[in-house]
N, C-alpha and C. Protein backbone atom coordinates (compact mmCIF):
# COMPACT_ATOMS: atom_id res chain seq x y z
N MET A 1 0.84 -1.20 0.00
CA MET A 1 0.00 0.00 0.00
C MET A 1 0.88 1.25 0.00
N GLN A 2 0.75 2.07 -1.03
CA GLN A 2 1.53 3.28 -1.17
C GLN A 2 0.72 4.50 -0.73
N LYS A 3 1.44 5.62 -0.45
CA LYS A 3 0.76 6.82 0.02
C LYS A 3 -0.26 7.33 -1.00
N ASP A 4 0.10 7.32 -2.29
CA ASP A 4 -0.83 7.85 -3.28
C ASP A 4 -2.09 7.00 -3.38
N GLU A 5 -1.98 5.69 -3.11
CA GLU A 5 -3.17 4.83 -3.08
C GLU A 5 -4.08 5.21 -1.93
N VAL A 6 -3.49 5.51 -0.77
CA VAL A 6 -4.28 5.95 0.38
C VAL A 6 -5.01 7.24 0.06
N VAL A 7 -4.32 8.20 -0.54
CA VAL A 7 -4.94 9.50 -0.84
C VAL A 7 -6.03 9.35 -1.89
N ARG A 8 -5.78 8.58 -2.94
CA ARG A 8 -6.80 8.38 -3.98
C ARG A 8 -8.05 7.72 -3.40
N THR A 9 -7.84 6.75 -2.53
CA THR A 9 -8.98 6.07 -1.90
C THR A 9 -9.73 7.03 -0.99
N ALA A 10 -9.01 7.88 -0.28
CA ALA A 10 -9.65 8.86 0.60
C ALA A 10 -10.50 9.84 -0.22
N LEU A 11 -10.00 10.26 -1.37
CA LEU A 11 -10.77 11.18 -2.23
C LEU A 11 -12.02 10.49 -2.78
N LYS A 12 -11.88 9.24 -3.15
CA LYS A 12 -13.05 8.48 -3.62
C LYS A 12 -14.09 8.37 -2.51
N LEU A 13 -13.63 8.06 -1.31
CA LEU A 13 -14.53 7.93 -0.17
C LEU A 13 -15.17 9.27 0.17
N LEU A 14 -14.41 10.35 0.02
CA LEU A 14 -14.95 11.69 0.27
C LEU A 14 -16.17 11.95 -0.60
N ASN A 15 -16.11 11.60 -1.88
CA ASN A 15 -17.25 11.81 -2.76
C ASN A 15 -18.45 10.94 -2.38
N GLU A 16 -18.19 9.84 -1.74
CA GLU A 16 -19.27 8.93 -1.36
C GLU A 16 -19.95 9.33 -0.05
N VAL A 17 -19.15 9.74 0.94
CA VAL A 17 -19.70 9.95 2.28
C VAL A 17 -19.54 11.37 2.80
N GLY A 18 -18.77 12.22 2.09
CA GLY A 18 -18.54 13.58 2.58
C GLY A 18 -17.49 13.60 3.68
N ILE A 19 -17.07 14.82 4.02
CA ILE A 19 -15.99 14.93 5.00
C ILE A 19 -16.42 14.47 6.39
N ASP A 20 -17.71 14.63 6.71
CA ASP A 20 -18.16 14.21 8.04
C ASP A 20 -18.17 12.69 8.19
N GLY A 21 -18.31 12.00 7.07
CA GLY A 21 -18.31 10.53 7.12
C GLY A 21 -16.96 9.91 6.90
N LEU A 22 -15.97 10.76 6.58
CA LEU A 22 -14.62 10.25 6.31
C LEU A 22 -13.85 10.09 7.62
N SER A 23 -13.55 8.88 7.97
CA SER A 23 -12.77 8.60 9.17
C SER A 23 -11.62 7.67 8.79
N THR A 24 -10.59 7.67 9.62
CA THR A 24 -9.47 6.77 9.34
C THR A 24 -9.92 5.30 9.44
N ARG A 25 -10.87 5.02 10.31
CA ARG A 25 -11.36 3.65 10.43
C ARG A 25 -12.07 3.22 9.14
N ARG A 26 -12.89 4.13 8.61
CA ARG A 26 -13.61 3.81 7.37
C ARG A 26 -12.65 3.71 6.20
N LEU A 27 -11.65 4.57 6.18
CA LEU A 27 -10.65 4.53 5.11
C LEU A 27 -9.87 3.22 5.17
N ALA A 28 -9.49 2.81 6.36
CA ALA A 28 -8.75 1.55 6.52
C ALA A 28 -9.59 0.37 6.03
N ALA A 29 -10.88 0.38 6.37
CA ALA A 29 -11.76 -0.70 5.92
C ALA A 29 -11.86 -0.71 4.39
N GLU A 30 -11.91 0.46 3.78
CA GLU A 30 -11.99 0.55 2.32
C GLU A 30 -10.73 -0.02 1.67
N LEU A 31 -9.59 0.17 2.34
CA LEU A 31 -8.31 -0.32 1.82
C LEU A 31 -8.03 -1.77 2.22
N GLY A 32 -8.85 -2.29 3.14
CA GLY A 32 -8.66 -3.67 3.58
C GLY A 32 -7.49 -3.84 4.52
N VAL A 33 -7.23 -2.82 5.35
CA VAL A 33 -6.13 -2.89 6.32
C VAL A 33 -6.65 -2.47 7.69
N GLN A 34 -5.82 -2.61 8.71
CA GLN A 34 -6.15 -2.12 10.04
C GLN A 34 -5.76 -0.64 10.13
N SER A 35 -6.47 0.12 10.94
CA SER A 35 -6.23 1.57 11.05
C SER A 35 -4.77 1.92 11.32
N PRO A 36 -4.06 1.23 12.23
CA PRO A 36 -2.66 1.61 12.50
C PRO A 36 -1.77 1.59 11.26
N ALA A 37 -2.12 0.78 10.26
CA ALA A 37 -1.29 0.71 9.05
C ALA A 37 -1.27 2.03 8.30
N LEU A 38 -2.33 2.82 8.44
CA LEU A 38 -2.42 4.10 7.73
C LEU A 38 -1.38 5.09 8.23
N TYR A 39 -1.01 4.96 9.49
CA TYR A 39 -0.14 5.97 10.10
C TYR A 39 1.33 5.81 9.69
N TRP A 40 1.61 4.84 8.83
CA TRP A 40 2.91 4.82 8.17
C TRP A 40 2.99 5.95 7.14
N HIS A 41 1.83 6.41 6.69
CA HIS A 41 1.78 7.38 5.58
C HIS A 41 1.40 8.79 6.03
N PHE A 42 0.73 8.93 7.15
CA PHE A 42 0.40 10.26 7.69
C PHE A 42 0.22 10.13 9.20
N LYS A 43 0.50 11.24 9.90
CA LYS A 43 0.51 11.19 11.36
C LYS A 43 -0.88 11.22 11.97
N ASN A 44 -1.81 11.93 11.33
CA ASN A 44 -3.16 12.10 11.87
C ASN A 44 -4.09 12.51 10.73
N LYS A 45 -5.36 12.71 11.05
CA LYS A 45 -6.33 13.05 10.01
C LYS A 45 -6.02 14.40 9.39
N ARG A 46 -5.49 15.33 10.18
CA ARG A 46 -5.15 16.65 9.64
C ARG A 46 -4.12 16.52 8.51
N GLU A 47 -3.12 15.68 8.73
CA GLU A 47 -2.11 15.49 7.69
C GLU A 47 -2.70 14.78 6.48
N LEU A 48 -3.64 13.87 6.70
CA LEU A 48 -4.32 13.22 5.59
C LEU A 48 -5.08 14.26 4.76
N LEU A 49 -5.78 15.17 5.43
CA LEU A 49 -6.52 16.20 4.71
C LEU A 49 -5.58 17.11 3.93
N ASP A 50 -4.40 17.41 4.50
CA ASP A 50 -3.40 18.21 3.77
C ASP A 50 -3.00 17.51 2.48
N LEU A 51 -2.77 16.20 2.56
CA LEU A 51 -2.37 15.43 1.38
C LEU A 51 -3.51 15.35 0.37
N MET A 52 -4.74 15.25 0.85
CA MET A 52 -5.90 15.23 -0.05
C MET A 52 -6.05 16.57 -0.76
N ALA A 53 -5.85 17.65 0.00
CA ALA A 53 -5.94 18.99 -0.59
C ALA A 53 -4.88 19.17 -1.66
N GLU A 54 -3.67 18.72 -1.38
CA GLU A 54 -2.58 18.82 -2.35
C GLU A 54 -2.93 18.02 -3.61
N ALA A 55 -3.48 16.84 -3.44
CA ALA A 55 -3.83 15.99 -4.59
C ALA A 55 -4.93 16.62 -5.43
N MET A 56 -5.91 17.24 -4.79
CA MET A 56 -6.97 17.93 -5.52
C MET A 56 -6.39 18.99 -6.44
N GLN A 57 -5.51 19.81 -5.88
CA GLN A 57 -4.94 20.90 -6.66
C GLN A 57 -4.02 20.37 -7.76
N ALA A 58 -3.32 19.29 -7.49
CA ALA A 58 -2.40 18.73 -8.48
C ALA A 58 -3.15 18.29 -9.74
N GLU A 59 -4.42 17.93 -9.58
CA GLU A 59 -5.21 17.51 -10.73
C GLU A 59 -5.56 18.67 -11.65
N ALA A 60 -5.58 19.88 -11.10
CA ALA A 60 -6.04 21.03 -11.88
C ALA A 60 -4.94 22.02 -12.21
N LEU A 61 -3.84 21.99 -11.45
CA LEU A 61 -2.78 22.99 -11.62
C LEU A 61 -1.54 22.38 -12.25
N PRO A 62 -0.78 23.15 -13.03
CA PRO A 62 0.49 22.64 -13.56
C PRO A 62 1.45 22.34 -12.42
N PRO A 63 2.36 21.40 -12.59
CA PRO A 63 3.23 20.97 -11.49
C PRO A 63 4.03 22.09 -10.83
N ASP A 64 4.60 23.02 -11.64
CA ASP A 64 5.43 24.04 -11.02
C ASP A 64 4.70 25.37 -10.83
N ARG A 65 3.51 25.51 -11.46
CA ARG A 65 2.71 26.73 -11.35
C ARG A 65 3.58 27.97 -11.59
N ARG A 66 4.43 27.90 -12.62
CA ARG A 66 5.33 29.00 -12.92
C ARG A 66 4.54 30.20 -13.40
N PRO A 67 4.68 31.35 -12.79
CA PRO A 67 3.91 32.53 -13.19
C PRO A 67 4.27 33.00 -14.60
N SER A 68 3.26 33.51 -15.30
CA SER A 68 3.49 34.12 -16.61
C SER A 68 3.95 35.56 -16.41
N ASP A 69 4.13 36.28 -17.50
CA ASP A 69 4.66 37.64 -17.41
C ASP A 69 3.72 38.59 -16.67
N ASP A 70 2.41 38.45 -16.89
CA ASP A 70 1.44 39.35 -16.27
C ASP A 70 0.90 38.70 -15.00
N TRP A 71 1.27 39.26 -13.85
CA TRP A 71 0.89 38.61 -12.59
C TRP A 71 -0.61 38.60 -12.38
N THR A 72 -1.33 39.59 -12.90
CA THR A 72 -2.79 39.59 -12.72
C THR A 72 -3.43 38.43 -13.47
N VAL A 73 -2.81 38.04 -14.58
CA VAL A 73 -3.35 36.93 -15.39
C VAL A 73 -3.11 35.60 -14.70
N TRP A 74 -1.87 35.35 -14.27
CA TRP A 74 -1.61 34.04 -13.67
C TRP A 74 -2.27 33.88 -12.31
N LEU A 75 -2.38 34.98 -11.56
CA LEU A 75 -3.02 34.86 -10.25
C LEU A 75 -4.50 34.54 -10.40
N ALA A 76 -5.16 35.19 -11.36
CA ALA A 76 -6.57 34.90 -11.61
C ALA A 76 -6.76 33.48 -12.14
N ALA A 77 -5.90 33.07 -13.06
CA ALA A 77 -6.00 31.72 -13.62
C ALA A 77 -5.78 30.66 -12.55
N ASP A 78 -4.87 30.92 -11.64
CA ASP A 78 -4.60 30.00 -10.54
C ASP A 78 -5.84 29.84 -9.66
N ALA A 79 -6.49 30.95 -9.34
CA ALA A 79 -7.69 30.91 -8.51
C ALA A 79 -8.82 30.16 -9.22
N ARG A 80 -8.98 30.40 -10.50
CA ARG A 80 -10.04 29.71 -11.25
C ARG A 80 -9.79 28.20 -11.28
N ALA A 81 -8.53 27.81 -11.47
CA ALA A 81 -8.20 26.38 -11.51
C ALA A 81 -8.44 25.73 -10.15
N LYS A 82 -8.09 26.44 -9.08
CA LYS A 82 -8.31 25.89 -7.74
C LYS A 82 -9.81 25.73 -7.46
N ARG A 83 -10.59 26.72 -7.88
CA ARG A 83 -12.04 26.61 -7.68
C ARG A 83 -12.59 25.39 -8.41
N LYS A 84 -12.16 25.19 -9.64
CA LYS A 84 -12.61 24.03 -10.40
C LYS A 84 -12.23 22.74 -9.69
N ALA A 85 -11.01 22.70 -9.14
CA ALA A 85 -10.54 21.50 -8.44
C ALA A 85 -11.38 21.23 -7.19
N LEU A 86 -11.69 22.28 -6.44
CA LEU A 86 -12.48 22.11 -5.22
C LEU A 86 -13.90 21.65 -5.53
N LEU A 87 -14.49 22.21 -6.59
CA LEU A 87 -15.86 21.86 -6.94
C LEU A 87 -15.97 20.44 -7.49
N ALA A 88 -14.84 19.87 -7.89
CA ALA A 88 -14.86 18.51 -8.44
C ALA A 88 -15.08 17.45 -7.37
N TYR A 89 -14.96 17.84 -6.08
CA TYR A 89 -15.11 16.90 -4.98
C TYR A 89 -16.15 17.38 -3.99
N ARG A 90 -16.90 16.45 -3.49
CA ARG A 90 -17.86 16.76 -2.43
C ARG A 90 -17.10 17.31 -1.22
N ASP A 91 -17.57 18.44 -0.70
CA ASP A 91 -16.94 19.09 0.45
C ASP A 91 -15.48 19.46 0.17
N GLY A 92 -15.16 19.71 -1.10
CA GLY A 92 -13.78 20.02 -1.47
C GLY A 92 -13.21 21.19 -0.70
N ALA A 93 -14.00 22.26 -0.53
CA ALA A 93 -13.49 23.42 0.19
C ALA A 93 -13.28 23.10 1.67
N ARG A 94 -14.15 22.31 2.24
CA ARG A 94 -14.02 21.97 3.65
C ARG A 94 -12.76 21.13 3.90
N VAL A 95 -12.37 20.34 2.94
CA VAL A 95 -11.12 19.58 3.08
C VAL A 95 -9.95 20.53 3.24
N HIS A 96 -10.00 21.66 2.55
CA HIS A 96 -8.90 22.61 2.58
C HIS A 96 -8.87 23.48 3.83
N HIS A 97 -9.96 23.54 4.56
CA HIS A 97 -9.99 24.40 5.75
C HIS A 97 -8.89 23.99 6.72
N GLY A 98 -8.05 24.95 7.07
CA GLY A 98 -7.01 24.69 8.06
C GLY A 98 -5.80 23.95 7.54
N THR A 99 -5.75 23.67 6.22
CA THR A 99 -4.59 22.97 5.70
C THR A 99 -3.37 23.89 5.70
N VAL A 100 -2.21 23.29 5.74
CA VAL A 100 -0.96 24.04 5.61
C VAL A 100 -0.22 23.50 4.39
N PRO A 101 0.61 24.31 3.73
CA PRO A 101 1.32 23.81 2.55
C PRO A 101 2.22 22.64 2.92
N THR A 102 2.24 21.64 2.05
CA THR A 102 3.19 20.55 2.23
C THR A 102 4.55 21.00 1.70
N ALA A 103 5.58 20.26 2.03
CA ALA A 103 6.93 20.61 1.55
C ALA A 103 6.98 20.65 0.03
N ALA A 104 6.19 19.80 -0.62
CA ALA A 104 6.20 19.75 -2.08
C ALA A 104 5.60 21.02 -2.70
N GLU A 105 4.74 21.71 -1.96
CA GLU A 105 4.08 22.90 -2.49
C GLU A 105 4.89 24.18 -2.31
N LEU A 106 5.86 24.17 -1.38
CA LEU A 106 6.57 25.40 -1.04
C LEU A 106 7.32 26.04 -2.22
N PRO A 107 7.99 25.27 -3.08
CA PRO A 107 8.68 25.91 -4.20
C PRO A 107 7.74 26.68 -5.12
N ALA A 108 6.54 26.17 -5.37
CA ALA A 108 5.58 26.87 -6.22
C ALA A 108 5.14 28.18 -5.58
N ILE A 109 4.90 28.14 -4.27
CA ILE A 109 4.51 29.36 -3.57
C ILE A 109 5.64 30.38 -3.58
N GLU A 110 6.86 29.90 -3.37
CA GLU A 110 8.04 30.77 -3.40
C GLU A 110 8.17 31.46 -4.76
N SER A 111 7.93 30.71 -5.84
CA SER A 111 8.05 31.31 -7.17
C SER A 111 7.00 32.37 -7.40
N GLN A 112 5.82 32.19 -6.82
CA GLN A 112 4.76 33.20 -6.97
C GLN A 112 5.10 34.45 -6.16
N VAL A 113 5.60 34.26 -4.95
CA VAL A 113 6.01 35.41 -4.14
C VAL A 113 7.13 36.18 -4.85
N ARG A 114 8.08 35.45 -5.42
CA ARG A 114 9.19 36.10 -6.13
C ARG A 114 8.68 36.89 -7.33
N ALA A 115 7.75 36.31 -8.07
CA ALA A 115 7.20 37.00 -9.24
C ALA A 115 6.49 38.28 -8.83
N LEU A 116 5.76 38.25 -7.72
CA LEU A 116 5.08 39.45 -7.24
C LEU A 116 6.08 40.49 -6.75
N CYS A 117 7.15 40.04 -6.10
CA CYS A 117 8.19 40.98 -5.65
C CYS A 117 8.86 41.66 -6.85
N ASP A 118 9.01 40.93 -7.95
CA ASP A 118 9.58 41.52 -9.15
C ASP A 118 8.69 42.62 -9.73
N GLU A 119 7.41 42.60 -9.36
CA GLU A 119 6.46 43.60 -9.84
C GLU A 119 6.30 44.77 -8.86
N GLY A 120 7.05 44.74 -7.76
CA GLY A 120 7.01 45.86 -6.83
C GLY A 120 6.42 45.56 -5.47
N PHE A 121 5.90 44.35 -5.26
CA PHE A 121 5.38 43.98 -3.94
C PHE A 121 6.55 43.67 -3.00
N THR A 122 6.34 43.91 -1.72
CA THR A 122 7.27 43.39 -0.73
C THR A 122 6.92 41.92 -0.49
N PRO A 123 7.84 41.12 0.04
CA PRO A 123 7.49 39.72 0.35
C PRO A 123 6.27 39.61 1.26
N LEU A 124 6.17 40.52 2.23
CA LEU A 124 5.03 40.51 3.15
C LEU A 124 3.72 40.74 2.40
N ASP A 125 3.69 41.78 1.56
CA ASP A 125 2.46 42.10 0.84
C ASP A 125 2.15 41.06 -0.24
N ALA A 126 3.20 40.47 -0.82
CA ALA A 126 2.97 39.42 -1.82
C ALA A 126 2.27 38.23 -1.20
N LEU A 127 2.75 37.80 -0.05
CA LEU A 127 2.13 36.65 0.60
C LEU A 127 0.74 37.00 1.12
N ARG A 128 0.58 38.22 1.60
CA ARG A 128 -0.76 38.66 2.03
C ARG A 128 -1.75 38.58 0.87
N LEU A 129 -1.32 39.00 -0.32
CA LEU A 129 -2.21 38.95 -1.48
C LEU A 129 -2.55 37.50 -1.84
N LEU A 130 -1.55 36.63 -1.87
CA LEU A 130 -1.81 35.23 -2.19
C LEU A 130 -2.79 34.62 -1.19
N LEU A 131 -2.62 34.94 0.09
CA LEU A 131 -3.52 34.40 1.11
C LEU A 131 -4.92 35.01 1.02
N ALA A 132 -4.99 36.30 0.66
CA ALA A 132 -6.30 36.96 0.52
C ALA A 132 -7.10 36.29 -0.60
N VAL A 133 -6.44 36.04 -1.72
CA VAL A 133 -7.12 35.37 -2.83
C VAL A 133 -7.49 33.94 -2.45
N GLU A 134 -6.58 33.25 -1.77
CA GLU A 134 -6.83 31.87 -1.34
C GLU A 134 -8.03 31.80 -0.39
N ARG A 135 -8.09 32.73 0.55
CA ARG A 135 -9.16 32.68 1.55
C ARG A 135 -10.50 33.14 0.96
N TYR A 136 -10.45 34.08 0.04
CA TYR A 136 -11.67 34.43 -0.70
C TYR A 136 -12.18 33.21 -1.44
N LEU A 137 -11.28 32.52 -2.12
CA LEU A 137 -11.64 31.34 -2.88
C LEU A 137 -12.27 30.27 -1.99
N MET A 138 -11.62 29.99 -0.85
CA MET A 138 -12.12 28.93 0.04
C MET A 138 -13.49 29.30 0.62
N GLY A 139 -13.64 30.56 1.03
CA GLY A 139 -14.93 31.00 1.56
C GLY A 139 -16.01 30.93 0.50
N TRP A 140 -15.66 31.36 -0.70
CA TRP A 140 -16.63 31.35 -1.79
C TRP A 140 -17.10 29.93 -2.10
N VAL A 141 -16.15 29.02 -2.27
CA VAL A 141 -16.52 27.65 -2.65
C VAL A 141 -17.25 26.94 -1.51
N THR A 142 -16.91 27.25 -0.27
CA THR A 142 -17.65 26.68 0.86
C THR A 142 -19.13 27.05 0.77
N GLU A 143 -19.40 28.34 0.53
CA GLU A 143 -20.80 28.79 0.39
C GLU A 143 -21.43 28.21 -0.87
N GLU A 144 -20.65 28.14 -1.94
CA GLU A 144 -21.16 27.62 -3.22
C GLU A 144 -21.58 26.15 -3.08
N GLN A 145 -20.73 25.37 -2.43
CA GLN A 145 -21.06 23.95 -2.27
C GLN A 145 -22.23 23.75 -1.32
N ALA A 146 -22.32 24.57 -0.29
CA ALA A 146 -23.48 24.49 0.60
C ALA A 146 -24.76 24.82 -0.16
N TRP A 147 -24.69 25.84 -1.02
CA TRP A 147 -25.85 26.21 -1.84
C TRP A 147 -26.22 25.09 -2.80
N LEU A 148 -25.24 24.48 -3.42
CA LEU A 148 -25.51 23.40 -4.37
C LEU A 148 -26.19 22.22 -3.69
N GLN A 149 -25.82 21.96 -2.44
CA GLN A 149 -26.42 20.84 -1.71
C GLN A 149 -27.87 21.13 -1.32
N ASN A 150 -28.23 22.43 -1.30
CA ASN A 150 -29.59 22.80 -0.90
C ASN A 150 -30.30 23.61 -1.98
N ALA A 151 -29.88 23.42 -3.24
CA ALA A 151 -30.40 24.25 -4.33
C ALA A 151 -31.89 24.02 -4.58
N HIS A 152 -32.46 22.93 -4.10
CA HIS A 152 -33.88 22.67 -4.31
C HIS A 152 -34.75 23.50 -3.37
N GLU A 153 -34.15 24.09 -2.34
CA GLU A 153 -34.91 24.87 -1.37
C GLU A 153 -34.91 26.35 -1.76
N PRO A 154 -36.04 27.06 -1.59
CA PRO A 154 -36.05 28.50 -1.89
C PRO A 154 -35.11 29.24 -0.96
N LEU A 155 -34.32 30.16 -1.52
CA LEU A 155 -33.32 30.85 -0.73
C LEU A 155 -33.84 32.12 -0.09
N TYR A 156 -34.77 32.80 -0.75
CA TYR A 156 -35.21 34.09 -0.26
C TYR A 156 -36.73 34.23 -0.43
N PRO A 157 -37.34 35.04 0.43
CA PRO A 157 -38.78 35.30 0.28
C PRO A 157 -39.03 36.24 -0.88
N ASP A 158 -40.28 36.62 -1.06
CA ASP A 158 -40.66 37.56 -2.11
C ASP A 158 -39.90 38.88 -1.94
N LEU A 159 -39.43 39.44 -3.05
CA LEU A 159 -38.59 40.64 -3.00
C LEU A 159 -39.30 41.91 -3.48
N ASP A 160 -40.61 41.86 -3.60
CA ASP A 160 -41.32 43.02 -4.14
C ASP A 160 -41.14 44.27 -3.29
N ASP A 161 -40.96 44.11 -1.99
CA ASP A 161 -40.83 45.27 -1.10
C ASP A 161 -39.39 45.77 -0.98
N VAL A 162 -38.48 45.12 -1.63
CA VAL A 162 -37.06 45.54 -1.62
C VAL A 162 -36.57 45.62 -3.06
N PRO A 163 -36.95 46.70 -3.76
CA PRO A 163 -36.73 46.77 -5.22
C PRO A 163 -35.26 46.70 -5.65
N LEU A 164 -34.35 47.24 -4.84
CA LEU A 164 -32.94 47.17 -5.22
C LEU A 164 -32.43 45.74 -5.16
N LEU A 165 -32.82 45.04 -4.11
CA LEU A 165 -32.45 43.63 -4.01
C LEU A 165 -33.10 42.81 -5.12
N LYS A 166 -34.33 43.18 -5.46
CA LYS A 166 -35.01 42.47 -6.53
C LYS A 166 -34.28 42.64 -7.85
N GLU A 167 -33.75 43.83 -8.07
CA GLU A 167 -33.00 44.10 -9.30
C GLU A 167 -31.72 43.26 -9.37
N ALA A 168 -31.17 42.98 -8.20
CA ALA A 168 -29.93 42.18 -8.13
C ALA A 168 -30.20 40.73 -7.73
N ALA A 169 -31.42 40.27 -7.92
CA ALA A 169 -31.81 38.95 -7.43
C ALA A 169 -31.00 37.83 -8.05
N VAL A 170 -30.47 38.04 -9.25
CA VAL A 170 -29.67 36.98 -9.88
C VAL A 170 -28.45 36.64 -9.02
N VAL A 171 -27.95 37.64 -8.28
CA VAL A 171 -26.82 37.40 -7.39
C VAL A 171 -27.27 36.64 -6.15
N LEU A 172 -28.39 37.09 -5.55
CA LEU A 172 -28.91 36.41 -4.37
C LEU A 172 -29.20 34.94 -4.66
N ARG A 173 -29.71 34.67 -5.85
CA ARG A 173 -30.10 33.30 -6.20
C ARG A 173 -28.97 32.53 -6.86
N MET A 174 -27.81 33.14 -6.94
CA MET A 174 -26.62 32.48 -7.50
C MET A 174 -26.90 31.90 -8.88
N GLU A 175 -27.56 32.71 -9.73
CA GLU A 175 -27.92 32.24 -11.07
C GLU A 175 -26.73 32.25 -12.02
N ASP A 176 -25.72 33.05 -11.72
CA ASP A 176 -24.50 33.05 -12.53
C ASP A 176 -23.31 33.05 -11.59
N ARG A 177 -23.02 31.87 -11.02
CA ARG A 177 -21.99 31.75 -10.00
C ARG A 177 -20.61 32.10 -10.54
N ASP A 178 -20.36 31.77 -11.80
CA ASP A 178 -19.06 32.07 -12.39
C ASP A 178 -18.82 33.58 -12.44
N ALA A 179 -19.84 34.33 -12.89
CA ALA A 179 -19.71 35.79 -12.98
C ALA A 179 -19.56 36.41 -11.60
N ASP A 180 -20.29 35.90 -10.63
CA ASP A 180 -20.20 36.44 -9.27
C ASP A 180 -18.82 36.20 -8.67
N PHE A 181 -18.29 34.98 -8.87
CA PHE A 181 -16.95 34.67 -8.37
C PHE A 181 -15.92 35.56 -9.05
N GLU A 182 -16.05 35.73 -10.35
CA GLU A 182 -15.09 36.52 -11.11
C GLU A 182 -15.09 37.97 -10.65
N HIS A 183 -16.26 38.50 -10.35
CA HIS A 183 -16.36 39.89 -9.90
C HIS A 183 -15.56 40.11 -8.63
N GLY A 184 -15.76 39.24 -7.65
CA GLY A 184 -15.02 39.37 -6.39
C GLY A 184 -13.53 39.18 -6.57
N LEU A 185 -13.15 38.22 -7.41
CA LEU A 185 -11.73 37.95 -7.66
C LEU A 185 -11.06 39.17 -8.28
N MET A 186 -11.74 39.81 -9.25
CA MET A 186 -11.16 40.98 -9.91
C MET A 186 -11.06 42.18 -8.96
N LEU A 187 -12.01 42.30 -8.05
CA LEU A 187 -11.92 43.37 -7.05
C LEU A 187 -10.65 43.22 -6.23
N LEU A 188 -10.36 42.01 -5.81
CA LEU A 188 -9.14 41.76 -5.02
C LEU A 188 -7.88 42.06 -5.83
N ILE A 189 -7.82 41.53 -7.02
CA ILE A 189 -6.60 41.66 -7.82
C ILE A 189 -6.38 43.10 -8.28
N GLU A 190 -7.45 43.74 -8.77
CA GLU A 190 -7.30 45.12 -9.24
C GLU A 190 -7.01 46.07 -8.08
N GLY A 191 -7.61 45.81 -6.93
CA GLY A 191 -7.30 46.62 -5.76
C GLY A 191 -5.86 46.47 -5.32
N ALA A 192 -5.35 45.23 -5.36
CA ALA A 192 -3.96 44.99 -4.99
C ALA A 192 -3.01 45.66 -5.99
N LYS A 193 -3.38 45.64 -7.27
CA LYS A 193 -2.54 46.27 -8.29
C LYS A 193 -2.46 47.78 -8.07
N THR A 194 -3.60 48.39 -7.81
CA THR A 194 -3.63 49.84 -7.57
C THR A 194 -2.82 50.20 -6.33
N ARG A 195 -2.98 49.41 -5.28
CA ARG A 195 -2.24 49.70 -4.03
C ARG A 195 -0.75 49.53 -4.23
N CYS A 196 -0.34 48.50 -4.96
CA CYS A 196 1.08 48.27 -5.21
C CYS A 196 1.68 49.42 -6.01
N GLU A 197 0.95 49.89 -7.05
CA GLU A 197 1.45 50.99 -7.86
C GLU A 197 1.59 52.26 -7.03
N ARG A 198 0.65 52.48 -6.10
CA ARG A 198 0.70 53.67 -5.29
C ARG A 198 1.85 53.60 -4.28
N THR A 199 2.01 52.46 -3.62
CA THR A 199 3.07 52.35 -2.61
C THR A 199 4.45 52.28 -3.26
N SER A 200 4.52 51.69 -4.47
CA SER A 200 5.81 51.65 -5.16
C SER A 200 6.24 53.06 -5.55
N GLY A 201 5.27 53.88 -5.91
CA GLY A 201 5.57 55.26 -6.27
C GLY A 201 6.12 56.06 -5.10
N THR A 202 5.63 55.77 -3.91
CA THR A 202 6.12 56.50 -2.73
C THR A 202 7.51 56.06 -2.32
N ARG A 203 7.92 54.81 -2.75
CA ARG A 203 9.26 54.33 -2.40
C ARG A 203 10.33 54.81 -3.38
N ASP A 204 9.87 55.26 -4.57
CA ASP A 204 10.84 55.70 -5.60
C ASP A 204 11.46 57.04 -5.26
């Protein structure tokens, strides 16, 4: 039994039972082993979730995630790919909650921080931006997946008495989730670009 077999089986089980039903005992039974055998590959469930999160992203992202010339383009593309990866699995966003980068992921993150620093960000602000986008993404997909699980239920009462909300009802009802996600993502990226240009100007 190899580590990648354990992770693949855990992801398969995740789609079947969700994160609340995923336990090391159930995973061991699925693999046909005793629970202690799993701990040759990870120390605890938190580490298993970290490995599952890494595997999800590996399916959607290029191995080195090398930034392109325009940082706004690669940062947005990275977020879109991560969202797609999370939505591909039941409770995908919840798996990522509280995860920390594995050693294998650190070089890719370092290259992104370096690319942002080349554009005028400080290392501190570069990492803050990456985390802001990451946390927006995780929060968004968590709400998105919760909505998808309950999409058969009415979300809001009649809006006739709140005309402005009625005009924006497509957002309340998540009728175009891609456009809504993109709007928030662009607010973050464009705001960071403007702030970087302003602060870089004061340092010159």
